[in-house]
Amino acid sequence: MKKEKNAKTSKKNKRRIIILGTFSFVAITFTTYTIGKYWVEIYQKSKEKEKLTTELKKLEKKESSLRADATRMKDKEYIARYAREKYLYSKNGEFILRIP
């Protein structure tokens, strides 16, 4: 009778271990997958942030250059000189020679 009881408890213990082991394996696998997925997302976001930061710096430099040009364009003498140089406009009696 004792052997039968030990055999029954042994079967119950094996079932418990199998069920607990399966549940533990599924939980660990799911957790590892989730952590890996988030790590990949974080890595991609950090690369995108670096790219956007460099682009922002370039755009800020371009903006400062354009702002400087905008303030210079308020000066009428500068506009006249710029038009003569860039678009080959001339004053009356003035000849333009373009040297490449």
PDB file of N, CA and C in Angstrom:
ATOM      1  N   MET A   1       0.810  -1.174   0.000  1.00  0.00           N
ATOM      2  CA  MET A   1       0.000   0.000   0.000  1.00  0.00           C
ATOM      3  C   MET A   1       0.866   1.256   0.000  1.00  0.00           C
ATOM      4  N   LYS A   2       1.934   1.186   0.725  1.00  0.00           N
ATOM      5  CA  LYS A   2       2.839   2.313   0.786  1.00  0.00           C
ATOM      6  C   LYS A   2       3.459   2.592  -0.570  1.00  0.00           C
ATOM      7  N   LYS A   3       3.762   1.525  -1.317  1.00  0.00           N
ATOM      8  CA  LYS A   3       4.363   1.687  -2.635  1.00  0.00           C
ATOM      9  C   LYS A   3       3.388   2.342  -3.598  1.00  0.00           C
ATOM     10  N   GLU A   4       2.107   1.951  -3.477  1.00  0.00           N
ATOM     11  CA  GLU A   4       1.093   2.558  -4.335  1.00  0.00           C
ATOM     12  C   GLU A   4       0.954   4.044  -4.035  1.00  0.00           C
ATOM     13  N   LYS A   5       0.992   4.383  -2.761  1.00  0.00           N
ATOM     14  CA  LYS A   5       0.878   5.786  -2.349  1.00  0.00           C
ATOM     15  C   LYS A   5       2.084   6.581  -2.826  1.00  0.00           C
ATOM     16  N   ASN A   6       3.269   6.003  -2.694  1.00  0.00           N
ATOM     17  CA  ASN A   6       4.487   6.666  -3.160  1.00  0.00           C
ATOM     18  C   ASN A   6       4.468   6.820  -4.682  1.00  0.00           C
ATOM     19  N   ALA A   7       3.935   5.828  -5.378  1.00  0.00           N
ATOM     20  CA  ALA A   7       3.857   5.892  -6.837  1.00  0.00           C
ATOM     21  C   ALA A   7       2.906   7.003  -7.258  1.00  0.00           C
ATOM     22  N   LYS A   8       1.762   7.151  -6.546  1.00  0.00           N
ATOM     23  CA  LYS A   8       0.795   8.205  -6.857  1.00  0.00           C
ATOM     24  C   LYS A   8       1.394   9.587  -6.590  1.00  0.00           C
ATOM     25  N   THR A   9       2.063   9.747  -5.464  1.00  0.00           N
ATOM     26  CA  THR A   9       2.668  11.049  -5.161  1.00  0.00           C
ATOM     27  C   THR A   9       3.808  11.336  -6.122  1.00  0.00           C
ATOM     28  N   SER A  10       4.506  10.279  -6.533  1.00  0.00           N
ATOM     29  CA  SER A  10       5.590  10.479  -7.487  1.00  0.00           C
ATOM     30  C   SER A  10       5.042  10.960  -8.829  1.00  0.00           C
ATOM     31  N   LYS A  11       3.909  10.373  -9.279  1.00  0.00           N
ATOM     32  CA  LYS A  11       3.287  10.813 -10.521  1.00  0.00           C
ATOM     33  C   LYS A  11       2.806  12.261 -10.397  1.00  0.00           C
ATOM     34  N   LYS A  12       2.212  12.596  -9.261  1.00  0.00           N
ATOM     35  CA  LYS A  12       1.731  13.966  -9.037  1.00  0.00           C
ATOM     36  C   LYS A  12       2.896  14.944  -9.056  1.00  0.00           C
ATOM     37  N   ASN A  13       3.982  14.578  -8.428  1.00  0.00           N
ATOM     38  CA  ASN A  13       5.156  15.450  -8.416  1.00  0.00           C
ATOM     39  C   ASN A  13       5.726  15.637  -9.820  1.00  0.00           C
ATOM     40  N   LYS A  14       5.758  14.571 -10.610  1.00  0.00           N
ATOM     41  CA  LYS A  14       6.251  14.668 -11.987  1.00  0.00           C
ATOM     42  C   LYS A  14       5.352  15.591 -12.802  1.00  0.00           C
ATOM     43  N   ARG A  15       4.028  15.446 -12.634  1.00  0.00           N
ATOM     44  CA  ARG A  15       3.106  16.316 -13.360  1.00  0.00           C
ATOM     45  C   ARG A  15       3.317  17.773 -12.953  1.00  0.00           C
ATOM     46  N   ARG A  16       3.451  18.004 -11.676  1.00  0.00           N
ATOM     47  CA  ARG A  16       3.663  19.372 -11.190  1.00  0.00           C
ATOM     48  C   ARG A  16       4.948  19.955 -11.769  1.00  0.00           C
ATOM     49  N   ILE A  17       5.981  19.174 -11.753  1.00  0.00           N
ATOM     50  CA  ILE A  17       7.263  19.644 -12.279  1.00  0.00           C
ATOM     51  C   ILE A  17       7.151  19.930 -13.775  1.00  0.00           C
ATOM     52  N   ILE A  18       6.475  19.055 -14.522  1.00  0.00           N
ATOM     53  CA  ILE A  18       6.309  19.260 -15.967  1.00  0.00           C
ATOM     54  C   ILE A  18       5.481  20.515 -16.228  1.00  0.00           C
ATOM     55  N   ILE A  19       4.373  20.679 -15.509  1.00  0.00           N
ATOM     56  CA  ILE A  19       3.519  21.856 -15.706  1.00  0.00           C
ATOM     57  C   ILE A  19       4.266  23.125 -15.307  1.00  0.00           C
ATOM     58  N   LEU A  20       4.919  23.105 -14.145  1.00  0.00           N
ATOM     59  CA  LEU A  20       5.668  24.270 -13.685  1.00  0.00           C
ATOM     60  C   LEU A  20       6.829  24.579 -14.637  1.00  0.00           C
ATOM     61  N   GLY A  21       7.520  23.561 -15.114  1.00  0.00           N
ATOM     62  CA  GLY A  21       8.625  23.758 -16.049  1.00  0.00           C
ATOM     63  C   GLY A  21       8.147  24.347 -17.366  1.00  0.00           C
ATOM     64  N   THR A  22       7.032  23.840 -17.868  1.00  0.00           N
ATOM     65  CA  THR A  22       6.474  24.360 -19.120  1.00  0.00           C
ATOM     66  C   THR A  22       6.062  25.814 -18.949  1.00  0.00           C
ATOM     67  N   PHE A  23       5.366  26.105 -17.875  1.00  0.00           N
ATOM     68  CA  PHE A  23       4.940  27.484 -17.610  1.00  0.00           C
ATOM     69  C   PHE A  23       6.148  28.404 -17.463  1.00  0.00           C
ATOM     70  N   SER A  24       7.159  27.945 -16.737  1.00  0.00           N
ATOM     71  CA  SER A  24       8.370  28.757 -16.549  1.00  0.00           C
ATOM     72  C   SER A  24       9.065  29.002 -17.885  1.00  0.00           C
ATOM     73  N   PHE A  25       9.166  27.982 -18.721  1.00  0.00           N
ATOM     74  CA  PHE A  25       9.800  28.120 -20.024  1.00  0.00           C
ATOM     75  C   PHE A  25       9.057  29.128 -20.897  1.00  0.00           C
ATOM     76  N   VAL A  26       7.734  29.040 -20.914  1.00  0.00           N
ATOM     77  CA  VAL A  26       6.928  29.975 -21.705  1.00  0.00           C
ATOM     78  C   VAL A  26       7.105  31.397 -21.178  1.00  0.00           C
ATOM     79  N   ALA A  27       7.080  31.571 -19.865  1.00  0.00           N
ATOM     80  CA  ALA A  27       7.226  32.909 -19.279  1.00  0.00           C
ATOM     81  C   ALA A  27       8.602  33.496 -19.588  1.00  0.00           C
ATOM     82  N   ILE A  28       9.642  32.702 -19.445  1.00  0.00           N
ATOM     83  CA  ILE A  28      10.999  33.184 -19.709  1.00  0.00           C
ATOM     84  C   ILE A  28      11.168  33.506 -21.194  1.00  0.00           C
ATOM     85  N   THR A  29      10.646  32.663 -22.067  1.00  0.00           N
ATOM     86  CA  THR A  29      10.739  32.904 -23.509  1.00  0.00           C
ATOM     87  C   THR A  29      10.010  34.193 -23.889  1.00  0.00           C
ATOM     88  N   PHE A  30       8.801  34.386 -23.380  1.00  0.00           N
ATOM     89  CA  PHE A  30       8.025  35.588 -23.685  1.00  0.00           C
ATOM     90  C   PHE A  30       8.736  36.840 -23.175  1.00  0.00           C
ATOM     91  N   THR A  31       9.266  36.776 -21.966  1.00  0.00           N
ATOM     92  CA  THR A  31       9.972  37.922 -21.386  1.00  0.00           C
ATOM     93  C   THR A  31      11.223  38.262 -22.196  1.00  0.00           C
ATOM     94  N   THR A  32      11.976  37.244 -22.583  1.00  0.00           N
ATOM     95  CA  THR A  32      13.186  37.463 -23.373  1.00  0.00           C
ATOM     96  C   THR A  32      12.845  38.072 -24.730  1.00  0.00           C
ATOM     97  N   TYR A  33      11.801  37.576 -25.372  1.00  0.00           N
ATOM     98  CA  TYR A  33      11.372  38.107 -26.664  1.00  0.00           C
ATOM     99  C   TYR A  33      10.955  39.574 -26.530  1.00  0.00           C
ATOM    100  N   THR A  34      10.186  39.878 -25.504  1.00  0.00           N
ATOM    101  CA  THR A  34       9.714  41.248 -25.304  1.00  0.00           C
ATOM    102  C   THR A  34      10.878  42.200 -25.035  1.00  0.00           C
ATOM    103  N   ILE A  35      11.789  41.801 -24.197  1.00  0.00           N
ATOM    104  CA  ILE A  35      12.949  42.645 -23.898  1.00  0.00           C
ATOM    105  C   ILE A  35      13.790  42.855 -25.160  1.00  0.00           C
ATOM    106  N   GLY A  36      13.995  41.802 -25.932  1.00  0.00           N
ATOM    107  CA  GLY A  36      14.761  41.922 -27.174  1.00  0.00           C
ATOM    108  C   GLY A  36      14.092  42.866 -28.160  1.00  0.00           C
ATOM    109  N   LYS A  37      12.774  42.766 -28.278  1.00  0.00           N
ATOM    110  CA  LYS A  37      12.036  43.626 -29.197  1.00  0.00           C
ATOM    111  C   LYS A  37      12.175  45.090 -28.789  1.00  0.00           C
ATOM    112  N   TYR A  38      12.051  45.376 -27.503  1.00  0.00           N
ATOM    113  CA  TYR A  38      12.184  46.757 -27.033  1.00  0.00           C
ATOM    114  C   TYR A  38      13.616  47.261 -27.188  1.00  0.00           C
ATOM    115  N   TRP A  39      14.598  46.394 -27.004  1.00  0.00           N
ATOM    116  CA  TRP A  39      15.991  46.797 -27.166  1.00  0.00           C
ATOM    117  C   TRP A  39      16.249  47.215 -28.607  1.00  0.00           C
ATOM    118  N   VAL A  40      15.710  46.449 -29.553  1.00  0.00           N
ATOM    119  CA  VAL A  40      15.882  46.789 -30.971  1.00  0.00           C
ATOM    120  C   VAL A  40      15.225  48.138 -31.266  1.00  0.00           C
ATOM    121  N   GLU A  41      14.030  48.368 -30.724  1.00  0.00           N
ATOM    122  CA  GLU A  41      13.351  49.652 -30.923  1.00  0.00           C
ATOM    123  C   GLU A  41      14.168  50.808 -30.363  1.00  0.00           C
ATOM    124  N   ILE A  42      14.709  50.637 -29.172  1.00  0.00           N
ATOM    125  CA  ILE A  42      15.511  51.682 -28.536  1.00  0.00           C
ATOM    126  C   ILE A  42      16.753  51.966 -29.375  1.00  0.00           C
ATOM    127  N   TYR A  43      17.394  50.926 -29.881  1.00  0.00           N
ATOM    128  CA  TYR A  43      18.586  51.093 -30.709  1.00  0.00           C
ATOM    129  C   TYR A  43      18.253  51.867 -31.980  1.00  0.00           C
ATOM    130  N   GLN A  44      17.137  51.509 -32.626  1.00  0.00           N
ATOM    131  CA  GLN A  44      16.735  52.214 -33.844  1.00  0.00           C
ATOM    132  C   GLN A  44      16.414  53.674 -33.557  1.00  0.00           C
ATOM    133  N   LYS A  45      15.750  53.941 -32.445  1.00  0.00           N
ATOM    134  CA  LYS A  45      15.411  55.321 -32.085  1.00  0.00           C
ATOM    135  C   LYS A  45      16.666  56.137 -31.791  1.00  0.00           C
ATOM    136  N   SER A  46      17.662  55.516 -31.168  1.00  0.00           N
ATOM    137  CA  SER A  46      18.893  56.258 -30.873  1.00  0.00           C
ATOM    138  C   SER A  46      19.632  56.599 -32.173  1.00  0.00           C
ATOM    139  N   LYS A  47      19.649  55.675 -33.129  1.00  0.00           N
ATOM    140  CA  LYS A  47      20.280  55.964 -34.428  1.00  0.00           C
ATOM    141  C   LYS A  47      19.522  57.078 -35.146  1.00  0.00           C
ATOM    142  N   GLU A  48      18.197  57.027 -35.095  1.00  0.00           N
ATOM    143  CA  GLU A  48      17.388  58.069 -35.729  1.00  0.00           C
ATOM    144  C   GLU A  48      17.623  59.418 -35.049  1.00  0.00           C
ATOM    145  N   LYS A  49      17.777  59.402 -33.728  1.00  0.00           N
ATOM    146  CA  LYS A  49      18.034  60.639 -32.987  1.00  0.00           C
ATOM    147  C   LYS A  49      19.369  61.247 -33.409  1.00  0.00           C
ATOM    148  N   GLU A  50      20.405  60.429 -33.544  1.00  0.00           N
ATOM    149  CA  GLU A  50      21.713  60.926 -33.978  1.00  0.00           C
ATOM    150  C   GLU A  50      21.617  61.554 -35.370  1.00  0.00           C
ATOM    151  N   LYS A  51      20.913  60.880 -36.259  1.00  0.00           N
ATOM    152  CA  LYS A  51      20.750  61.382 -37.627  1.00  0.00           C
ATOM    153  C   LYS A  51      20.009  62.713 -37.618  1.00  0.00           C
ATOM    154  N   LEU A  52      18.930  62.792 -36.859  1.00  0.00           N
ATOM    155  CA  LEU A  52      18.140  64.019 -36.813  1.00  0.00           C
ATOM    156  C   LEU A  52      18.897  65.155 -36.120  1.00  0.00           C
ATOM    157  N   THR A  53      19.747  64.818 -35.152  1.00  0.00           N
ATOM    158  CA  THR A  53      20.539  65.838 -34.475  1.00  0.00           C
ATOM    159  C   THR A  53      21.533  66.474 -35.446  1.00  0.00           C
ATOM    160  N   THR A  54      22.187  65.658 -36.263  1.00  0.00           N
ATOM    161  CA  THR A  54      23.129  66.218 -37.235  1.00  0.00           C
ATOM    162  C   THR A  54      22.391  67.048 -38.283  1.00  0.00           C
ATOM    163  N   GLU A  55      21.218  66.581 -38.683  1.00  0.00           N
ATOM    164  CA  GLU A  55      20.426  67.342 -39.647  1.00  0.00           C
ATOM    165  C   GLU A  55      19.981  68.674 -39.047  1.00  0.00           C
ATOM    166  N   LEU A  56      19.621  68.660 -37.767  1.00  0.00           N
ATOM    167  CA  LEU A  56      19.219  69.895 -37.086  1.00  0.00           C
ATOM    168  C   LEU A  56      20.363  70.893 -37.043  1.00  0.00           C
ATOM    169  N   LYS A  57      21.568  70.426 -36.761  1.00  0.00           N
ATOM    170  CA  LYS A  57      22.720  71.324 -36.727  1.00  0.00           C
ATOM    171  C   LYS A  57      22.971  71.959 -38.090  1.00  0.00           C
ATOM    172  N   LYS A  58      22.845  71.153 -39.159  1.00  0.00           N
ATOM    173  CA  LYS A  58      23.026  71.690 -40.509  1.00  0.00           C
ATOM    174  C   LYS A  58      21.972  72.746 -40.812  1.00  0.00           C
ATOM    175  N   LEU A  59      20.734  72.454 -40.428  1.00  0.00           N
ATOM    176  CA  LEU A  59      19.652  73.402 -40.696  1.00  0.00           C
ATOM    177  C   LEU A  59      19.806  74.686 -39.875  1.00  0.00           C
ATOM    178  N   GLU A  60      20.312  74.572 -38.663  1.00  0.00           N
ATOM    179  CA  GLU A  60      20.540  75.770 -37.847  1.00  0.00           C
ATOM    180  C   GLU A  60      21.617  76.649 -38.468  1.00  0.00           C
ATOM    181  N   LYS A  61      22.673  76.029 -39.001  1.00  0.00           N
ATOM    182  CA  LYS A  61      23.714  76.808 -39.685  1.00  0.00           C
ATOM    183  C   LYS A  61      23.140  77.499 -40.911  1.00  0.00           C
ATOM    184  N   LYS A  62      22.334  76.771 -41.672  1.00  0.00           N
ATOM    185  CA  LYS A  62      21.716  77.350 -42.862  1.00  0.00           C
ATOM    186  C   LYS A  62      20.780  78.494 -42.475  1.00  0.00           C
ATOM    187  N   GLU A  63      20.049  78.320 -41.385  1.00  0.00           N
ATOM    188  CA  GLU A  63      19.139  79.375 -40.928  1.00  0.00           C
ATOM    189  C   GLU A  63      19.905  80.637 -40.541  1.00  0.00           C
ATOM    190  N   SER A  64      21.003  80.475 -39.822  1.00  0.00           N
ATOM    191  CA  SER A  64      21.784  81.645 -39.430  1.00  0.00           C
ATOM    192  C   SER A  64      22.348  82.357 -40.660  1.00  0.00           C
ATOM    193  N   SER A  65      22.761  81.592 -41.659  1.00  0.00           N
ATOM    194  CA  SER A  65      23.254  82.184 -42.896  1.00  0.00           C
ATOM    195  C   SER A  65      22.142  82.956 -43.613  1.00  0.00           C
ATOM    196  N   LEU A  66      20.968  82.360 -43.665  1.00  0.00           N
ATOM    197  CA  LEU A  66      19.844  83.029 -44.317  1.00  0.00           C
ATOM    198  C   LEU A  66      19.401  84.276 -43.552  1.00  0.00           C
ATOM    199  N   ARG A  67      19.453  84.211 -42.238  1.00  0.00           N
ATOM    200  CA  ARG A  67      19.103  85.396 -41.439  1.00  0.00           C
ATOM    201  C   ARG A  67      20.101  86.530 -41.693  1.00  0.00           C
ATOM    202  N   ALA A  68      21.380  86.176 -41.804  1.00  0.00           N
ATOM    203  CA  ALA A  68      22.392  87.190 -42.097  1.00  0.00           C
ATOM    204  C   ALA A  68      22.141  87.801 -43.472  1.00  0.00           C
ATOM    205  N   ASP A  69      21.798  86.963 -44.460  1.00  0.00           N
ATOM    206  CA  ASP A  69      21.474  87.476 -45.791  1.00  0.00           C
ATOM    207  C   ASP A  69      20.246  88.379 -45.743  1.00  0.00           C
ATOM    208  N   ALA A  70      19.266  88.004 -44.951  1.00  0.00           N
ATOM    209  CA  ALA A  70      18.045  88.809 -44.859  1.00  0.00           C
ATOM    210  C   ALA A  70      18.341  90.182 -44.265  1.00  0.00           C
ATOM    211  N   THR A  71      19.211  90.247 -43.281  1.00  0.00           N
ATOM    212  CA  THR A  71      19.547  91.558 -42.707  1.00  0.00           C
ATOM    213  C   THR A  71      20.363  92.391 -43.692  1.00  0.00           C
ATOM    214  N   ARG A  72      21.217  91.718 -44.484  1.00  0.00           N
ATOM    215  CA  ARG A  72      21.993  92.459 -45.492  1.00  0.00           C
ATOM    216  C   ARG A  72      21.103  92.975 -46.616  1.00  0.00           C
ATOM    217  N   MET A  73      20.026  92.251 -46.916  1.00  0.00           N
ATOM    218  CA  MET A  73      19.139  92.655 -48.006  1.00  0.00           C
ATOM    219  C   MET A  73      18.350  93.928 -47.669  1.00  0.00           C
ATOM    220  N   LYS A  74      18.388  94.366 -46.441  1.00  0.00           N
ATOM    221  CA  LYS A  74      17.712  95.611 -46.059  1.00  0.00           C
ATOM    222  C   LYS A  74      18.519  96.831 -46.520  1.00  0.00           C
ATOM    223  N   ASP A  75      19.789  96.645 -46.802  1.00  0.00           N
ATOM    224  CA  ASP A  75      20.667  97.734 -47.248  1.00  0.00           C
ATOM    225  C   ASP A  75      20.565  97.876 -48.766  1.00  0.00           C
ATOM    226  N   LYS A  76      20.148  99.069 -49.240  1.00  0.00           N
ATOM    227  CA  LYS A  76      19.939  99.283 -50.674  1.00  0.00           C
ATOM    228  C   LYS A  76      21.238  99.206 -51.460  1.00  0.00           C
ATOM    229  N   GLU A  77      22.337  99.671 -50.901  1.00  0.00           N
ATOM    230  CA  GLU A  77      23.616  99.602 -51.596  1.00  0.00           C
ATOM    231  C   GLU A  77      24.055  98.158 -51.805  1.00  0.00           C
ATOM    232  N   TYR A  78      23.833  97.359 -50.807  1.00  0.00           N
ATOM    233  CA  TYR A  78      24.194  95.942 -50.927  1.00  0.00           C
ATOM    234  C   TYR A  78      23.349  95.271 -52.011  1.00  0.00           C
ATOM    235  N   ILE A  79      22.069  95.567 -52.052  1.00  0.00           N
ATOM    236  CA  ILE A  79      21.188  94.980 -53.063  1.00  0.00           C
ATOM    237  C   ILE A  79      21.638  95.376 -54.463  1.00  0.00           C
ATOM    238  N   ALA A  80      21.999  96.642 -54.654  1.00  0.00           N
ATOM    239  CA  ALA A  80      22.456  97.111 -55.965  1.00  0.00           C
ATOM    240  C   ALA A  80      23.743  96.396 -56.371  1.00  0.00           C
ATOM    241  N   ARG A  81      24.695  96.300 -55.464  1.00  0.00           N
ATOM    242  CA  ARG A  81      25.957  95.622 -55.764  1.00  0.00           C
ATOM    243  C   ARG A  81      25.717  94.135 -56.038  1.00  0.00           C
ATOM    244  N   TYR A  82      24.842  93.512 -55.268  1.00  0.00           N
ATOM    245  CA  TYR A  82      24.524  92.089 -55.433  1.00  0.00           C
ATOM    246  C   TYR A  82      23.895  91.847 -56.803  1.00  0.00           C
ATOM    247  N   ALA A  83      22.961  92.710 -57.201  1.00  0.00           N
ATOM    248  CA  ALA A  83      22.308  92.558 -58.509  1.00  0.00           C
ATOM    249  C   ALA A  83      23.309  92.749 -59.644  1.00  0.00           C
ATOM    250  N   ARG A  84      24.235  93.697 -59.490  1.00  0.00           N
ATOM    251  CA  ARG A  84      25.243  93.899 -60.537  1.00  0.00           C
ATOM    252  C   ARG A  84      26.153  92.684 -60.655  1.00  0.00           C
ATOM    253  N   GLU A  85      26.557  92.101 -59.536  1.00  0.00           N
ATOM    254  CA  GLU A  85      27.463  90.963 -59.577  1.00  0.00           C
ATOM    255  C   GLU A  85      26.761  89.675 -60.012  1.00  0.00           C
ATOM    256  N   LYS A  86      25.612  89.439 -59.450  1.00  0.00           N
ATOM    257  CA  LYS A  86      24.934  88.167 -59.678  1.00  0.00           C
ATOM    258  C   LYS A  86      24.201  88.125 -61.015  1.00  0.00           C
ATOM    259  N   TYR A  87      23.473  89.178 -61.331  1.00  0.00           N
ATOM    260  CA  TYR A  87      22.619  89.180 -62.518  1.00  0.00           C
ATOM    261  C   TYR A  87      23.150  90.065 -63.656  1.00  0.00           C
ATOM    262  N   LEU A  88      24.365  90.578 -63.501  1.00  0.00           N
ATOM    263  CA  LEU A  88      25.045  91.359 -64.523  1.00  0.00           C
ATOM    264  C   LEU A  88      24.280  92.627 -64.909  1.00  0.00           C
ATOM    265  N   TYR A  89      23.625  93.242 -63.940  1.00  0.00           N
ATOM    266  CA  TYR A  89      23.010  94.548 -64.178  1.00  0.00           C
ATOM    267  C   TYR A  89      24.095  95.613 -64.130  1.00  0.00           C
ATOM    268  N   SER A  90      23.866  96.701 -64.849  1.00  0.00           N
ATOM    269  CA  SER A  90      24.877  97.758 -64.855  1.00  0.00           C
ATOM    270  C   SER A  90      24.216  99.118 -64.685  1.00  0.00           C
ATOM    271  N   LYS A  91      25.029 100.049 -64.235  1.00  0.00           N
ATOM    272  CA  LYS A  91      24.577 101.438 -64.163  1.00  0.00           C
ATOM    273  C   LYS A  91      24.667 102.035 -65.559  1.00  0.00           C
ATOM    274  N   ASN A  92      24.109 103.197 -65.730  1.00  0.00           N
ATOM    275  CA  ASN A  92      24.195 103.872 -67.023  1.00  0.00           C
ATOM    276  C   ASN A  92      25.665 104.176 -67.346  1.00  0.00           C
ATOM    277  N   GLY A  93      26.088 103.777 -68.534  1.00  0.00           N
ATOM    278  CA  GLY A  93      27.451 104.040 -68.972  1.00  0.00           C
ATOM    279  C   GLY A  93      28.455 103.056 -68.410  1.00  0.00           C
ATOM    280  N   GLU A  94      28.025 102.018 -67.797  1.00  0.00           N
ATOM    281  CA  GLU A  94      28.945 101.048 -67.190  1.00  0.00           C
ATOM    282  C   GLU A  94      28.961  99.784 -68.080  1.00  0.00           C
ATOM    283  N   PHE A  95      30.145  99.238 -68.318  1.00  0.00           N
ATOM    284  CA  PHE A  95      30.277  98.011 -69.109  1.00  0.00           C
ATOM    285  C   PHE A  95      30.591  96.867 -68.176  1.00  0.00           C
ATOM    286  N   ILE A  96      30.059  95.724 -68.492  1.00  0.00           N
ATOM    287  CA  ILE A  96      30.286  94.549 -67.661  1.00  0.00           C
ATOM    288  C   ILE A  96      31.149  93.559 -68.438  1.00  0.00           C
ATOM    289  N   LEU A  97      32.263  93.191 -67.843  1.00  0.00           N
ATOM    290  CA  LEU A  97      33.135  92.175 -68.410  1.00  0.00           C
ATOM    291  C   LEU A  97      33.150  91.013 -67.430  1.00  0.00           C
ATOM    292  N   ARG A  98      32.752  89.877 -67.912  1.00  0.00           N
ATOM    293  CA  ARG A  98      32.727  88.705 -67.029  1.00  0.00           C
ATOM    294  C   ARG A  98      33.961  87.868 -67.294  1.00  0.00           C
ATOM    295  N   ILE A  99      34.729  87.661 -66.268  1.00  0.00           N
ATOM    296  CA  ILE A  99      35.960  86.885 -66.396  1.00  0.00           C
ATOM    297  C   ILE A  99      35.736  85.574 -65.635  1.00  0.00           C
ATOM    298  N   PRO A 100      35.804  84.455 -66.335  1.00  0.00           N
ATOM    299  CA  PRO A 100      35.547  83.177 -65.664  1.00  0.00           C
ATOM    300  C   PRO A 100      36.670  82.731 -64.773  1.00  0.00           C
TER     301      PRO A 100
END
